[in-house]
Amino acid sequence: MIITKNSDQKTVELKNDINNIPVSKTENKEIHILNKHSNTINTLFNHTVGIIMKKGKKTKAQKQLENAFLYIKQKTNTNPHFIFSKAIEKASPLIKLISTKKGSKSIKIPVPLNEYQQHRKAIIWILEASNKRHNRNFSERLAHELIAVVDGTSSVFQRKEQLHKLALINRANVQIRA
């Protein structure tokens, strides 16, 4: 990613290394995040970078996520941070199942997740679904998957529905944990 600044026009030019397509924006307070929930988006961004990161290469993970955001911006002409946060909110499960033994039977107990756990599970599911796509570049795969989640056509929703159905079936076991 190449960032150049022109002091005459107050313009920032972002150039995507993948397609070498320049995207220019006016420099103002809203250049980075156009959403009023900037702390939430920064937290989600850092959390996603931490999950993407392999062998401690944080800058590489950040560049991959930024390239995915540029690709989303090119495809949809909307704020990529908004699409990113919307996709994570849509894909987040509300509960998880814990297996315990009662006698000789193994039973599953539904347990509610806090917001951090919900977002982590959604990010992991989105990354796994994006790795199943057949594009060459990780950034493009991730961008396509985020757009698919917002559109409601992703395989992430099948996993979420399956988990919630199992929790509904095992709802009688909630009292066992207490």
N, C-alpha and C. Protein backbone atom coordinates (compact mmCIF):
# COMPACT_ATOMS: atom_id res chain seq x y z
N MET A 1 0.84 -1.16 0.00
CA MET A 1 0.00 0.00 0.00
C MET A 1 0.89 1.23 0.00
N ILE A 2 0.60 2.16 -0.88
CA ILE A 2 1.38 3.38 -0.99
C ILE A 2 0.49 4.55 -0.58
N ILE A 3 0.98 5.38 0.32
CA ILE A 3 0.21 6.54 0.76
C ILE A 3 1.02 7.78 0.40
N THR A 4 0.41 8.67 -0.40
CA THR A 4 1.06 9.92 -0.74
C THR A 4 0.16 11.07 -0.33
N LYS A 5 0.78 12.19 0.07
CA LYS A 5 0.01 13.36 0.48
C LYS A 5 0.39 14.55 -0.39
N ASN A 6 -0.59 15.25 -0.89
CA ASN A 6 -0.37 16.50 -1.60
C ASN A 6 -0.82 17.63 -0.69
N SER A 7 0.10 18.52 -0.34
CA SER A 7 -0.24 19.59 0.59
C SER A 7 -1.09 20.66 -0.09
N ASP A 8 -1.00 20.81 -1.42
CA ASP A 8 -1.77 21.83 -2.12
C ASP A 8 -3.27 21.52 -2.08
N GLN A 9 -3.64 20.30 -2.37
CA GLN A 9 -5.05 19.93 -2.48
C GLN A 9 -5.59 19.25 -1.24
N LYS A 10 -4.74 18.98 -0.26
CA LYS A 10 -5.14 18.25 0.95
C LYS A 10 -5.80 16.92 0.56
N THR A 11 -5.17 16.18 -0.31
CA THR A 11 -5.70 14.91 -0.79
C THR A 11 -4.76 13.79 -0.40
N VAL A 12 -5.35 12.67 -0.02
CA VAL A 12 -4.56 11.49 0.29
C VAL A 12 -4.88 10.45 -0.77
N GLU A 13 -3.85 9.90 -1.38
CA GLU A 13 -4.05 8.91 -2.41
C GLU A 13 -3.61 7.56 -1.88
N LEU A 14 -4.52 6.61 -1.91
CA LEU A 14 -4.21 5.25 -1.47
C LEU A 14 -4.10 4.39 -2.71
N LYS A 15 -3.02 3.66 -2.84
CA LYS A 15 -2.85 2.83 -4.02
C LYS A 15 -2.79 1.37 -3.58
N ASN A 16 -3.64 0.57 -4.16
CA ASN A 16 -3.71 -0.84 -3.83
C ASN A 16 -2.63 -1.59 -4.61
N ASP A 17 -1.81 -2.37 -3.93
CA ASP A 17 -0.75 -3.12 -4.59
C ASP A 17 -1.29 -4.23 -5.47
N ILE A 18 -2.48 -4.71 -5.18
CA ILE A 18 -3.01 -5.85 -5.91
C ILE A 18 -3.33 -5.46 -7.35
N ASN A 19 -4.15 -4.44 -7.52
CA ASN A 19 -4.60 -4.06 -8.85
C ASN A 19 -4.02 -2.73 -9.33
N ASN A 20 -3.24 -2.05 -8.48
CA ASN A 20 -2.69 -0.73 -8.77
C ASN A 20 -3.77 0.26 -9.20
N ILE A 21 -4.91 0.19 -8.53
CA ILE A 21 -6.00 1.11 -8.79
C ILE A 21 -5.98 2.17 -7.70
N PRO A 22 -5.75 3.43 -8.07
CA PRO A 22 -5.72 4.46 -7.03
C PRO A 22 -7.11 4.82 -6.55
N VAL A 23 -7.23 5.06 -5.27
CA VAL A 23 -8.47 5.51 -4.66
C VAL A 23 -8.12 6.78 -3.90
N SER A 24 -8.72 7.90 -4.28
CA SER A 24 -8.37 9.14 -3.59
C SER A 24 -9.55 9.64 -2.78
N LYS A 25 -9.24 10.26 -1.64
CA LYS A 25 -10.24 10.80 -0.74
C LYS A 25 -9.75 12.15 -0.25
N THR A 26 -10.66 12.99 0.15
CA THR A 26 -10.26 14.26 0.76
C THR A 26 -9.85 14.01 2.19
N GLU A 27 -8.82 14.71 2.63
CA GLU A 27 -8.32 14.50 3.97
C GLU A 27 -9.15 15.33 4.95
N ASN A 28 -9.81 14.66 5.86
CA ASN A 28 -10.56 15.31 6.92
C ASN A 28 -10.62 14.37 8.10
N LYS A 29 -11.39 14.72 9.09
CA LYS A 29 -11.45 13.90 10.29
C LYS A 29 -12.10 12.55 10.04
N GLU A 30 -12.85 12.44 8.97
CA GLU A 30 -13.58 11.20 8.71
C GLU A 30 -12.84 10.28 7.75
N ILE A 31 -11.57 10.52 7.47
CA ILE A 31 -10.87 9.70 6.49
C ILE A 31 -10.66 8.27 6.96
N HIS A 32 -10.41 8.07 8.23
CA HIS A 32 -10.14 6.73 8.71
C HIS A 32 -11.41 5.97 9.04
N ILE A 33 -12.27 6.59 9.82
CA ILE A 33 -13.47 5.89 10.26
C ILE A 33 -14.65 6.83 10.15
N LEU A 34 -15.64 6.43 9.38
CA LEU A 34 -16.80 7.27 9.17
C LEU A 34 -17.96 6.87 10.06
N ASN A 35 -17.70 5.98 10.97
CA ASN A 35 -18.76 5.48 11.83
C ASN A 35 -18.63 6.12 13.20
N LYS A 36 -19.76 6.38 13.85
CA LYS A 36 -19.71 7.01 15.16
C LYS A 36 -19.19 6.07 16.24
N HIS A 37 -19.15 4.78 15.99
CA HIS A 37 -18.66 3.80 16.96
C HIS A 37 -17.20 3.47 16.67
N SER A 38 -16.35 4.46 16.64
CA SER A 38 -14.97 4.26 16.23
C SER A 38 -14.20 3.37 17.20
N ASN A 39 -14.48 3.46 18.49
CA ASN A 39 -13.76 2.61 19.44
C ASN A 39 -14.08 1.15 19.22
N THR A 40 -15.35 0.84 18.93
CA THR A 40 -15.75 -0.54 18.66
C THR A 40 -15.06 -1.05 17.40
N ILE A 41 -15.01 -0.23 16.36
CA ILE A 41 -14.39 -0.65 15.11
C ILE A 41 -12.89 -0.85 15.29
N ASN A 42 -12.24 0.05 16.01
CA ASN A 42 -10.80 -0.11 16.26
C ASN A 42 -10.54 -1.38 17.05
N THR A 43 -11.40 -1.68 18.02
CA THR A 43 -11.25 -2.90 18.81
C THR A 43 -11.43 -4.12 17.93
N LEU A 44 -12.46 -4.11 17.07
CA LEU A 44 -12.68 -5.24 16.16
C LEU A 44 -11.52 -5.38 15.18
N PHE A 45 -11.01 -4.26 14.69
CA PHE A 45 -9.89 -4.30 13.76
C PHE A 45 -8.67 -4.94 14.42
N ASN A 46 -8.33 -4.48 15.62
CA ASN A 46 -7.17 -5.03 16.33
C ASN A 46 -7.38 -6.49 16.70
N HIS A 47 -8.60 -6.83 17.07
CA HIS A 47 -8.91 -8.22 17.41
C HIS A 47 -8.75 -9.12 16.18
N THR A 48 -9.24 -8.65 15.03
CA THR A 48 -9.13 -9.42 13.80
C THR A 48 -7.67 -9.56 13.37
N VAL A 49 -6.91 -8.50 13.50
CA VAL A 49 -5.48 -8.56 13.17
C VAL A 49 -4.79 -9.60 14.04
N GLY A 50 -5.14 -9.65 15.32
CA GLY A 50 -4.55 -10.63 16.22
C GLY A 50 -4.89 -12.06 15.84
N ILE A 51 -6.09 -12.27 15.31
CA ILE A 51 -6.49 -13.62 14.91
C ILE A 51 -5.85 -14.00 13.58
N ILE A 52 -5.73 -13.04 12.66
CA ILE A 52 -5.11 -13.30 11.35
C ILE A 52 -3.61 -13.55 11.49
N MET A 53 -2.98 -12.87 12.44
CA MET A 53 -1.53 -12.87 12.60
C MET A 53 -0.97 -14.29 12.78
N LYS A 54 0.10 -14.56 12.04
CA LYS A 54 0.79 -15.84 12.14
C LYS A 54 2.26 -15.57 12.41
N LYS A 55 2.82 -16.30 13.35
CA LYS A 55 4.24 -16.21 13.70
C LYS A 55 4.66 -14.80 14.08
N GLY A 56 3.77 -14.04 14.70
CA GLY A 56 4.10 -12.72 15.20
C GLY A 56 4.21 -11.62 14.17
N LYS A 57 3.79 -11.87 12.93
CA LYS A 57 3.92 -10.87 11.86
C LYS A 57 2.66 -10.01 11.82
N LYS A 58 2.62 -9.05 12.73
CA LYS A 58 1.43 -8.22 12.89
C LYS A 58 1.26 -7.24 11.73
N THR A 59 2.34 -6.66 11.24
CA THR A 59 2.21 -5.68 10.15
C THR A 59 1.70 -6.34 8.88
N LYS A 60 2.10 -7.58 8.65
CA LYS A 60 1.61 -8.31 7.48
C LYS A 60 0.10 -8.55 7.61
N ALA A 61 -0.35 -8.91 8.79
CA ALA A 61 -1.78 -9.12 9.02
C ALA A 61 -2.55 -7.81 8.86
N GLN A 62 -1.99 -6.71 9.33
CA GLN A 62 -2.65 -5.41 9.18
C GLN A 62 -2.76 -5.02 7.71
N LYS A 63 -1.70 -5.25 6.94
CA LYS A 63 -1.73 -4.94 5.52
C LYS A 63 -2.76 -5.78 4.78
N GLN A 64 -2.86 -7.05 5.16
CA GLN A 64 -3.85 -7.92 4.52
C GLN A 64 -5.27 -7.42 4.79
N LEU A 65 -5.54 -7.04 6.03
CA LEU A 65 -6.86 -6.54 6.38
C LEU A 65 -7.13 -5.19 5.71
N GLU A 66 -6.14 -4.32 5.65
CA GLU A 66 -6.30 -3.03 4.97
C GLU A 66 -6.54 -3.22 3.48
N ASN A 67 -5.85 -4.18 2.85
CA ASN A 67 -6.07 -4.47 1.44
C ASN A 67 -7.48 -5.03 1.21
N ALA A 68 -7.96 -5.82 2.16
CA ALA A 68 -9.34 -6.32 2.06
C ALA A 68 -10.32 -5.15 2.14
N PHE A 69 -10.03 -4.18 3.02
CA PHE A 69 -10.89 -3.00 3.12
C PHE A 69 -10.88 -2.19 1.83
N LEU A 70 -9.69 -2.04 1.21
CA LEU A 70 -9.61 -1.33 -0.07
C LEU A 70 -10.41 -2.05 -1.15
N TYR A 71 -10.33 -3.37 -1.15
CA TYR A 71 -11.08 -4.16 -2.13
C TYR A 71 -12.58 -3.99 -1.92
N ILE A 72 -13.03 -3.99 -0.66
CA ILE A 72 -14.45 -3.77 -0.35
C ILE A 72 -14.87 -2.39 -0.82
N LYS A 73 -14.04 -1.39 -0.58
CA LYS A 73 -14.34 -0.01 -1.00
C LYS A 73 -14.49 0.07 -2.50
N GLN A 74 -13.63 -0.62 -3.25
CA GLN A 74 -13.70 -0.61 -4.70
C GLN A 74 -14.95 -1.31 -5.21
N LYS A 75 -15.32 -2.41 -4.58
CA LYS A 75 -16.47 -3.19 -5.05
C LYS A 75 -17.81 -2.58 -4.68
N THR A 76 -17.92 -2.01 -3.48
CA THR A 76 -19.23 -1.59 -2.99
C THR A 76 -19.41 -0.08 -2.91
N ASN A 77 -18.34 0.68 -2.98
CA ASN A 77 -18.39 2.14 -2.82
C ASN A 77 -19.06 2.57 -1.52
N THR A 78 -18.88 1.80 -0.48
CA THR A 78 -19.38 2.16 0.85
C THR A 78 -18.22 2.07 1.83
N ASN A 79 -18.48 2.50 3.03
CA ASN A 79 -17.44 2.50 4.06
C ASN A 79 -17.10 1.05 4.44
N PRO A 80 -15.86 0.60 4.22
CA PRO A 80 -15.50 -0.78 4.53
C PRO A 80 -15.55 -1.09 6.02
N HIS A 81 -15.32 -0.09 6.87
CA HIS A 81 -15.38 -0.31 8.31
C HIS A 81 -16.82 -0.62 8.74
N PHE A 82 -17.77 0.03 8.10
CA PHE A 82 -19.18 -0.24 8.39
C PHE A 82 -19.55 -1.65 7.97
N ILE A 83 -19.12 -2.07 6.78
CA ILE A 83 -19.41 -3.42 6.30
C ILE A 83 -18.74 -4.45 7.20
N PHE A 84 -17.52 -4.18 7.62
CA PHE A 84 -16.79 -5.08 8.50
C PHE A 84 -17.52 -5.28 9.83
N SER A 85 -17.91 -4.18 10.46
CA SER A 85 -18.60 -4.29 11.76
C SER A 85 -19.97 -4.93 11.59
N LYS A 86 -20.67 -4.62 10.49
CA LYS A 86 -21.99 -5.21 10.22
C LYS A 86 -21.86 -6.72 10.01
N ALA A 87 -20.83 -7.15 9.29
CA ALA A 87 -20.62 -8.58 9.03
C ALA A 87 -20.35 -9.33 10.32
N ILE A 88 -19.53 -8.76 11.19
CA ILE A 88 -19.22 -9.43 12.45
C ILE A 88 -20.45 -9.50 13.34
N GLU A 89 -21.24 -8.43 13.37
CA GLU A 89 -22.46 -8.45 14.19
C GLU A 89 -23.45 -9.49 13.67
N LYS A 90 -23.57 -9.62 12.34
CA LYS A 90 -24.52 -10.59 11.77
C LYS A 90 -24.06 -12.03 12.01
N ALA A 91 -22.76 -12.27 11.99
CA ALA A 91 -22.23 -13.63 12.09
C ALA A 91 -22.03 -14.08 13.53
N SER A 92 -22.18 -13.19 14.49
CA SER A 92 -21.88 -13.53 15.89
C SER A 92 -22.92 -14.46 16.49
N PRO A 93 -22.50 -15.60 17.04
CA PRO A 93 -23.44 -16.48 17.74
C PRO A 93 -23.72 -15.95 19.14
N LEU A 94 -24.85 -16.31 19.68
CA LEU A 94 -25.22 -15.84 21.02
C LEU A 94 -24.78 -16.80 22.11
N ILE A 95 -24.61 -18.07 21.75
CA ILE A 95 -24.34 -19.10 22.76
C ILE A 95 -23.28 -20.07 22.26
N LYS A 96 -22.79 -20.89 23.18
CA LYS A 96 -21.91 -22.00 22.82
C LYS A 96 -22.40 -23.22 23.59
N LEU A 97 -21.95 -24.38 23.17
CA LEU A 97 -22.33 -25.63 23.83
C LEU A 97 -21.11 -26.21 24.53
N ILE A 98 -21.31 -26.57 25.79
CA ILE A 98 -20.26 -27.20 26.59
C ILE A 98 -20.67 -28.64 26.84
N SER A 99 -19.77 -29.58 26.58
CA SER A 99 -20.06 -31.00 26.83
C SER A 99 -19.60 -31.37 28.23
N THR A 100 -20.50 -32.00 28.97
CA THR A 100 -20.16 -32.53 30.30
C THR A 100 -20.72 -33.93 30.41
N LYS A 101 -20.22 -34.67 31.39
CA LYS A 101 -20.71 -36.03 31.62
C LYS A 101 -21.68 -36.02 32.78
N LYS A 102 -22.78 -36.70 32.58
CA LYS A 102 -23.73 -36.92 33.66
C LYS A 102 -23.98 -38.42 33.67
N GLY A 103 -23.41 -39.06 34.65
CA GLY A 103 -23.48 -40.52 34.67
C GLY A 103 -22.61 -41.07 33.56
N SER A 104 -23.19 -41.89 32.72
CA SER A 104 -22.43 -42.45 31.61
C SER A 104 -22.71 -41.69 30.31
N LYS A 105 -23.62 -40.69 30.37
CA LYS A 105 -23.98 -39.93 29.18
C LYS A 105 -23.19 -38.63 29.10
N SER A 106 -22.90 -38.26 27.89
CA SER A 106 -22.29 -36.95 27.64
C SER A 106 -23.40 -36.02 27.17
N ILE A 107 -23.60 -34.93 27.89
CA ILE A 107 -24.67 -33.99 27.54
C ILE A 107 -24.07 -32.65 27.17
N LYS A 108 -24.79 -31.92 26.34
CA LYS A 108 -24.36 -30.60 25.91
C LYS A 108 -25.21 -29.56 26.63
N ILE A 109 -24.52 -28.55 27.18
CA ILE A 109 -25.19 -27.50 27.93
C ILE A 109 -24.99 -26.17 27.20
N PRO A 110 -26.08 -25.48 26.83
CA PRO A 110 -25.93 -24.17 26.20
C PRO A 110 -25.50 -23.11 27.22
N VAL A 111 -24.51 -22.32 26.86
CA VAL A 111 -23.98 -21.28 27.73
C VAL A 111 -23.92 -19.98 26.93
N PRO A 112 -24.40 -18.87 27.47
CA PRO A 112 -24.34 -17.60 26.73
C PRO A 112 -22.90 -17.09 26.61
N LEU A 113 -22.63 -16.42 25.50
CA LEU A 113 -21.31 -15.84 25.26
C LEU A 113 -21.35 -14.34 25.54
N ASN A 114 -20.25 -13.80 26.04
CA ASN A 114 -20.18 -12.35 26.17
C ASN A 114 -19.81 -11.75 24.81
N GLU A 115 -19.81 -10.43 24.71
CA GLU A 115 -19.63 -9.76 23.43
C GLU A 115 -18.27 -10.08 22.80
N TYR A 116 -17.23 -10.11 23.61
CA TYR A 116 -15.89 -10.42 23.11
C TYR A 116 -15.85 -11.83 22.52
N GLN A 117 -16.43 -12.79 23.22
CA GLN A 117 -16.45 -14.18 22.74
C GLN A 117 -17.28 -14.30 21.46
N GLN A 118 -18.40 -13.57 21.39
CA GLN A 118 -19.23 -13.60 20.19
C GLN A 118 -18.44 -13.09 18.99
N HIS A 119 -17.76 -11.97 19.16
CA HIS A 119 -16.99 -11.41 18.04
C HIS A 119 -15.84 -12.32 17.64
N ARG A 120 -15.18 -12.91 18.61
CA ARG A 120 -14.07 -13.82 18.31
C ARG A 120 -14.54 -15.02 17.49
N LYS A 121 -15.65 -15.61 17.91
CA LYS A 121 -16.19 -16.76 17.19
C LYS A 121 -16.61 -16.37 15.77
N ALA A 122 -17.23 -15.19 15.62
CA ALA A 122 -17.64 -14.72 14.29
C ALA A 122 -16.44 -14.49 13.39
N ILE A 123 -15.39 -13.88 13.92
CA ILE A 123 -14.19 -13.61 13.13
C ILE A 123 -13.55 -14.93 12.69
N ILE A 124 -13.47 -15.89 13.59
CA ILE A 124 -12.88 -17.19 13.25
C ILE A 124 -13.70 -17.88 12.17
N TRP A 125 -15.02 -17.85 12.30
CA TRP A 125 -15.88 -18.47 11.29
C TRP A 125 -15.73 -17.79 9.93
N ILE A 126 -15.65 -16.46 9.92
CA ILE A 126 -15.50 -15.72 8.66
C ILE A 126 -14.15 -16.05 8.02
N LEU A 127 -13.09 -16.13 8.82
CA LEU A 127 -11.77 -16.47 8.27
C LEU A 127 -11.74 -17.89 7.73
N GLU A 128 -12.38 -18.84 8.43
CA GLU A 128 -12.43 -20.21 7.94
C GLU A 128 -13.21 -20.30 6.63
N ALA A 129 -14.32 -19.57 6.55
CA ALA A 129 -15.12 -19.58 5.32
C ALA A 129 -14.36 -18.91 4.18
N SER A 130 -13.59 -17.87 4.48
CA SER A 130 -12.83 -17.20 3.42
C SER A 130 -11.69 -18.08 2.92
N ASN A 131 -11.13 -18.91 3.78
CA ASN A 131 -10.06 -19.81 3.35
C ASN A 131 -10.57 -20.90 2.43
N LYS A 132 -11.87 -21.17 2.44
CA LYS A 132 -12.45 -22.17 1.54
C LYS A 132 -12.74 -21.61 0.16
N ARG A 133 -12.66 -20.29 0.00
CA ARG A 133 -12.89 -19.67 -1.30
C ARG A 133 -11.70 -19.93 -2.22
N HIS A 134 -11.92 -19.76 -3.53
CA HIS A 134 -10.89 -20.13 -4.51
C HIS A 134 -10.27 -18.92 -5.19
N ASN A 135 -9.97 -17.88 -4.45
CA ASN A 135 -9.21 -16.75 -5.00
C ASN A 135 -7.75 -16.92 -4.63
N ARG A 136 -6.87 -16.26 -5.37
CA ARG A 136 -5.45 -16.40 -5.10
C ARG A 136 -5.03 -15.64 -3.85
N ASN A 137 -5.62 -14.48 -3.66
CA ASN A 137 -5.16 -13.56 -2.64
C ASN A 137 -6.04 -13.65 -1.39
N PHE A 138 -5.42 -13.67 -0.22
CA PHE A 138 -6.17 -13.74 1.03
C PHE A 138 -7.06 -12.52 1.22
N SER A 139 -6.57 -11.34 0.86
CA SER A 139 -7.35 -10.12 1.03
C SER A 139 -8.63 -10.15 0.22
N GLU A 140 -8.54 -10.63 -1.02
CA GLU A 140 -9.73 -10.74 -1.86
C GLU A 140 -10.71 -11.76 -1.30
N ARG A 141 -10.19 -12.89 -0.85
CA ARG A 141 -11.06 -13.92 -0.26
C ARG A 141 -11.81 -13.37 0.94
N LEU A 142 -11.08 -12.67 1.82
CA LEU A 142 -11.69 -12.10 3.01
C LEU A 142 -12.73 -11.04 2.64
N ALA A 143 -12.41 -10.19 1.67
CA ALA A 143 -13.34 -9.15 1.24
C ALA A 143 -14.62 -9.76 0.67
N HIS A 144 -14.47 -10.78 -0.17
CA HIS A 144 -15.65 -11.45 -0.73
C HIS A 144 -16.50 -12.08 0.37
N GLU A 145 -15.85 -12.66 1.36
CA GLU A 145 -16.58 -13.31 2.45
C GLU A 145 -17.32 -12.28 3.31
N LEU A 146 -16.68 -11.15 3.59
CA LEU A 146 -17.34 -10.10 4.38
C LEU A 146 -18.56 -9.56 3.64
N ILE A 147 -18.43 -9.37 2.33
CA ILE A 147 -19.57 -8.90 1.53
C ILE A 147 -20.67 -9.95 1.52
N ALA A 148 -20.29 -11.23 1.42
CA ALA A 148 -21.29 -12.31 1.42
C ALA A 148 -22.02 -12.39 2.76
N VAL A 149 -21.32 -12.15 3.85
CA VAL A 149 -21.96 -12.17 5.17
C VAL A 149 -22.98 -11.05 5.28
N VAL A 150 -22.62 -9.87 4.80
CA VAL A 150 -23.56 -8.74 4.85
C VAL A 150 -24.76 -9.01 3.95
N ASP A 151 -24.53 -9.65 2.80
CA ASP A 151 -25.63 -9.99 1.89
C ASP A 151 -26.47 -11.15 2.40
N GLY A 152 -25.92 -11.95 3.32
CA GLY A 152 -26.66 -13.09 3.86
C GLY A 152 -26.48 -14.37 3.08
N THR A 153 -25.45 -14.45 2.24
CA THR A 153 -25.24 -15.63 1.40
C THR A 153 -24.04 -16.46 1.83
N SER A 154 -23.49 -16.21 2.98
CA SER A 154 -22.28 -16.89 3.43
C SER A 154 -22.61 -18.22 4.11
N SER A 155 -21.63 -19.11 4.13
CA SER A 155 -21.80 -20.39 4.82
C SER A 155 -21.71 -20.23 6.33
N VAL A 156 -21.32 -19.05 6.79
CA VAL A 156 -21.23 -18.77 8.22
C VAL A 156 -22.60 -18.88 8.87
N PHE A 157 -23.63 -18.49 8.13
CA PHE A 157 -24.98 -18.52 8.69
C PHE A 157 -25.47 -19.94 8.93
N GLN A 158 -25.02 -20.89 8.11
CA GLN A 158 -25.38 -22.30 8.34
C GLN A 158 -24.80 -22.79 9.65
N ARG A 159 -23.56 -22.44 9.93
CA ARG A 159 -22.93 -22.84 11.20
C ARG A 159 -23.65 -22.21 12.38
N LYS A 160 -24.01 -20.94 12.23
CA LYS A 160 -24.69 -20.23 13.31
C LYS A 160 -26.06 -20.85 13.58
N GLU A 161 -26.81 -21.13 12.51
CA GLU A 161 -28.13 -21.75 12.66
C GLU A 161 -28.01 -23.14 13.27
N GLN A 162 -27.03 -23.91 12.84
CA GLN A 162 -26.83 -25.26 13.38
C GLN A 162 -26.53 -25.20 14.87
N LEU A 163 -25.68 -24.28 15.28
CA LEU A 163 -25.35 -24.12 16.69
C LEU A 163 -26.58 -23.73 17.51
N HIS A 164 -27.36 -22.80 16.99
CA HIS A 164 -28.54 -22.36 17.72
C HIS A 164 -29.61 -23.45 17.79
N LYS A 165 -29.72 -24.28 16.74
CA LYS A 165 -30.66 -25.40 16.77
C LYS A 165 -30.26 -26.42 17.83
N LEU A 166 -28.96 -26.74 17.90
CA LEU A 166 -28.49 -27.67 18.93
C LEU A 166 -28.73 -27.11 20.32
N ALA A 167 -28.54 -25.82 20.48
CA ALA A 167 -28.79 -25.20 21.79
C ALA A 167 -30.27 -25.26 22.13
N LEU A 168 -31.12 -25.09 21.14
CA LEU A 168 -32.56 -25.16 21.37
C LEU A 168 -32.97 -26.58 21.76
N ILE A 169 -32.38 -27.56 21.13
CA ILE A 169 -32.67 -28.96 21.46
C ILE A 169 -32.23 -29.28 22.88
N ASN A 170 -31.08 -28.74 23.29
CA ASN A 170 -30.51 -29.04 24.61
C ASN A 170 -30.83 -27.98 25.66
N ARG A 171 -31.87 -27.21 25.46
CA ARG A 171 -32.19 -26.14 26.41
C ARG A 171 -32.62 -26.67 27.77
N ALA A 172 -33.06 -27.91 27.84
CA ALA A 172 -33.45 -28.49 29.13
C ALA A 172 -32.24 -28.73 30.02
N ASN A 173 -31.05 -28.79 29.44
CA ASN A 173 -29.84 -29.05 30.20
C ASN A 173 -29.23 -27.80 30.84
N VAL A 174 -29.83 -26.64 30.62
CA VAL A 174 -29.27 -25.40 31.16
C VAL A 174 -29.22 -25.44 32.68
N GLN A 175 -30.24 -26.02 33.30
CA GLN A 175 -30.30 -26.05 34.76
C GLN A 175 -29.25 -26.97 35.38
N ILE A 176 -28.70 -27.90 34.62
CA ILE A 176 -27.72 -28.86 35.14
C ILE A 176 -26.42 -28.15 35.50
N ARG A 177 -26.04 -27.14 34.75
CA ARG A 177 -24.77 -26.46 34.97
C ARG A 177 -24.75 -25.69 36.29
N ALA A 178 -25.88 -25.16 36.68
CA ALA A 178 -25.93 -24.32 37.89
C ALA A 178 -25.76 -25.07 39.16
